[in-house]
Every structure is written in C-alpha cells, then in structure tokens.
C-alpha cells in the first residue's frame, strides 16, 4: 500500500504508510545501553499511548518485548503530529535515536526500562480495531473470549513464551534423537482405523465410496512397520487425533514426540527416554534434572500412592487394610471386601488444621466429584480416643491393626475408602495429593521425574470382559508369557510411563514381535480369526516377514510445554486450540459443508436432533 492511502477501521482519517526504504534494525526487547546515541529502527504494535503536555509516549511491543518511543515536536514535528493518531494495536515502525531516560521516568519492571527511542520518523503500517481485552499477562477475561479473539490472545507474553518453549522442545527432541541415531520419518495422516483406546476421526474416501480413512490416534502400527522394514531407529514430531471428551490436559488433536527402536529391551528404551527428558528440561526450561530417575513398579505405585502417576513430592502415603476386614462385623467395609474390593487408608499425622467443616466438605467432594459412596474417617484425640461416626462399629482387634499399620497417634486423622480397586485408589490418591499440598506435606523439589514400570497387560471392562490396559500391541514380560494360556489377567506388560510432578508425560512398551503371541492376545480380547485377518492381517503378515524385537514411546509434547511454561491448561500452550466442546471459536469450526461436497462423497447427513 502506498503512503497516503487510507485504510483504518474506525479511523478513516489515518493514512497508511509503507515500509519501503525502512528496515527494522533491532527488536524492541533488544534495545540495550550499548546502543545509546545510535540510530535504530524498531517496529511492532502500539501497546499503550500517553500524551504528557504535548510530548507523546508509546510503548512499542514486538515478540521480543517492549520499548518506549518518545515523540517530541522539537525533534521532529511530522513524527510528533503522526504520533497523535496512534491507538492501541496500531502497527508502526519508528526510526530514532536511543537515549537514556531521565531518572524519574525509569521503569524497573522492563528490561528496556532505562532507555527510550526518541523518534525522528514514524510510519503507521496499519490501523487496528480496538482490542477486545488488554494485551497483558492476565487480561482478566473469560477464556472463551480469549479463544474467540485468539489473534489478540497470541500477542500476550504468556502465549509468546509458551510458543518459544514449544519451539525449544522441537529442536531439543530433533537434536537429541538425531545424535542417538534415530531417523525422522513421516507416517501417513490418512490411515486405517485401529483400536487404541479412543474414538477415531473418520475421513470419507471420494475415490472409494463407502470406505473411510481414520486420522491416526498415534503412529503406532506404522512405526512398528518401519522397524520391520529395517529403519531400526525412528522418530517423528507427530500430529495425532482422538475423538474424545476434552479437559484441561487433553485436546482433540495433539502433538507427540514419537520414537521406536529395534533390537532393544526395556533398559535400552528407558535410557533413551531419560536422555530425551533431561535434554528437554535443560534446553527448553533451563533446568538440570537429577539422574538416574527413580523407578516404581505399577503395583507399588498403586499400593503406596493410589495412582500410576503419583506426585512423589507429596510425603503422604496410603496403607492397605483389606485383610483386616475379611471377617469384620462392620458391613460397610466387609461388603466391599466380599465383592472383591479393597479397604485402604490415608493417614495424616498432626492434622489439627483439618476442621470438622473441612472433613464435611471432603465427604461431599468425594460423593459429588469422585463418584464415591462416602468417606469414612477417624480422628485420634489428644487423650488417644477415637472420634468418628464409624468408631463404634470397629472391634478392638481392628482398631489395634489400624493403629499398628498407620502409626496413628494423638492428632492423626485417618481417611478410609472401601470400594473396588480402581475407585478406592482414585479417591484416596486424589485426597493424598490435594491434602498433601494444602497442608504443606511436600518435599520442596520443583521437579520430580519418575519411571513407572510393569503395568498389567489386561484389565476388565465395564461388562466384565478382558480388555487391554493400554493397547493390544504391548508385549508381556518374558516370564509371564506362560500366563497367557492359564491366567492372562496376572500377566504383566512391558509397558512403562514417564511421570513428572504427578503428570504423565508419555507412555511406551516393548511390542509383540512374534505373530503367535500377538494372535493369542487378540484371541483373549475376543477377536475371531476372521476379525484378526480383516483388521490386522497386514500387521500379522508383517510380523511373519521377520520382525526384530522392538519397543518405543510417545511423549506428549503439549503436556511438557504446559509444565515448562507454568500453564494450567493445554489450551495455553497451543496456538489454535479447541474448546471443551471441540470447537475452534476463531475459525468457527466445525461447520456445515456445501451439499455438493457431500454428494461427491456419496454421503447424506441425518437431521440434527438439536438446533445448531
């Protein structure tokens, strides 16, 4: 656009300039004392404007930070006059001289706060509609407003920092894995639907009417095929898609650092994972993690913490009590045990800070938010007596057993959960974390990496059928192979997780490289021979073509970025995220398509039961 042209929403009187002949010399955040007396050209968005007695000040913002520009009529009358037209978020370029601010105008909160650019030329490169909220660290508006106006939201410093962290993670992963001999290989986005624990996004084929591709939930099968194809060490910054309900740490589409290696055992893979994690924290977060990472087997993690991704900084631990109540007269606990459930306890010593009102709130939280039947509790008073609604139902032997195992003493508060295994652990595991943080029962570490190993291979679904715990391609632990014939539910998998501060960073396993083992697992999952061939024939044939032992992993890059950025939601580390309803509010997606597009695909859309 030529100088003098007018294009200003709401400001038709403002002419628009060109950059022709003017080149930015420095980023706003790069203006330093070493430049005092030098001429510079800075460009960016007007973050704020102030008119002090005819002298105009603007805070100019670009990706690197803020710098103050000053327009004085005696320095350049034309620039000063144009400065009067400026408004928030106008896009401008300023040519001027770097000078030191007077002492009373120094801003100690800014890296450039002792300096300013005294303008000798101003070019207004574009005008802007008024921003819907302040471009500040915390604009104080609803998240949906920020997502609807994502372009303004992206200009805020926290999101800029998050995108820098993501960039550093990409580079760290690529450098680390390349140095370890991995090849970066792209796998298809249009693929075959496979069971990986979530719903697929389906894509209709125009060339094969009635057939569908699936967007990959992960590159799992493709990377196994790469191992069979002799690639030996593969990685990819992979885009993945899962049509599932959303929450703060989950999106419909996400990014993972995906890797696979051949001729490897569990220790080989864990060594790679530890190296990738350490390098990521060092290069994207400036943090040196201690090595080696602590390890827990799944069974121990569940027994002590009630979670397979525990925050081990919290110093509270759970206690198993199931055997004490196998013949109990207390029906609430005995009934859970008779149904195959468990009884566990969370002991908290010196817990006088937790009032009866707080206990009532926790009871309501367990019922309403965690789906529990209730929350039994006992408080040991100063004289050693038990204060509790359930105390009268417990025998002397049961009290003695509880005291011995929990170390209960005056001031101790005991919380109990009697339910099926997963529910009881989920309830007490959540209370352990919440109350441990609330009461300050943490060890003070900023970062606590953890490796969790040997998950069960199978679990029961809601209908009581055998189901895979993670995915059907996980190899059993070698010594548990015979259990696949007689007691498959006791079989442990070679699955492993990397956990940081109670958040799972990713998962992996060794894979079934023998087709007979893979077929047996499919049988246990209820697949007929015909179903196996229809859905997985290509994989089974590939395994028979000479598959090396192999295993791999996938880091959730978005989750790592969320941790290193200090963000509370994945939406704050993704440039264009979806809402909890799976919508892109900026682009208004998903949306209806033209009838002609549906006709080409030979598709018909049923009327929606709800108004759009």
Foldseek 3Di string as FASTA:
>chain_A
DDFPPADAVVCRVATAHDCVPPDFDDEQQPDDPVQAFHKGKYKAWFQDWDQDPLKIWTWGDDLNGTAIEIEHCVQAVVQSVNSVVDDGGFIKMFIFGKHFDDPVQADPVGPNRRIHGYGHDMGRNYYDDDDPFRLEQCRPDDVVVCLLVLVSPCRHNLQSLLQLLLVLLVVLLVVLLVVVPADEDDDDQFADDDDFPADWDWAFDLVDFPDTTTGAQDCVLVVLLVLLVPSFKYWYQDKHAGPDFDDQADFRIFTKTWIKGFPDALVVFLVSVQSSVQSSCCRSQVDGDDDDAAEAAQVVCCQWQLDLFAQVQQPWTKHWDFVVQCPAPQCVQVVLVVVVAGKMKTKDALQPVCDPVNQVVLQVCCVPPLVAPGKFKWAQAPVRDTDGPCPVRDDPVSVVVCCVGRVDDHNMMMIMGRHHSNSRSVSVNVVSVVVSVVVVNGNPDLKHKYKYFFAQQWDADPVRATDGPGHLFFAWDVVCLVCLVPPNRVTTTGKMFIHMSRRTFKIKHWGPLQLVSSVSSVVSNPDDPVNCCVRPVVVSVSSVSPRGGMMIMITRSLVVSCSSSVHRGSVSSDSQGADSVNASSNVGPPDDDDPVVCVSSVHDDDDDPDDD
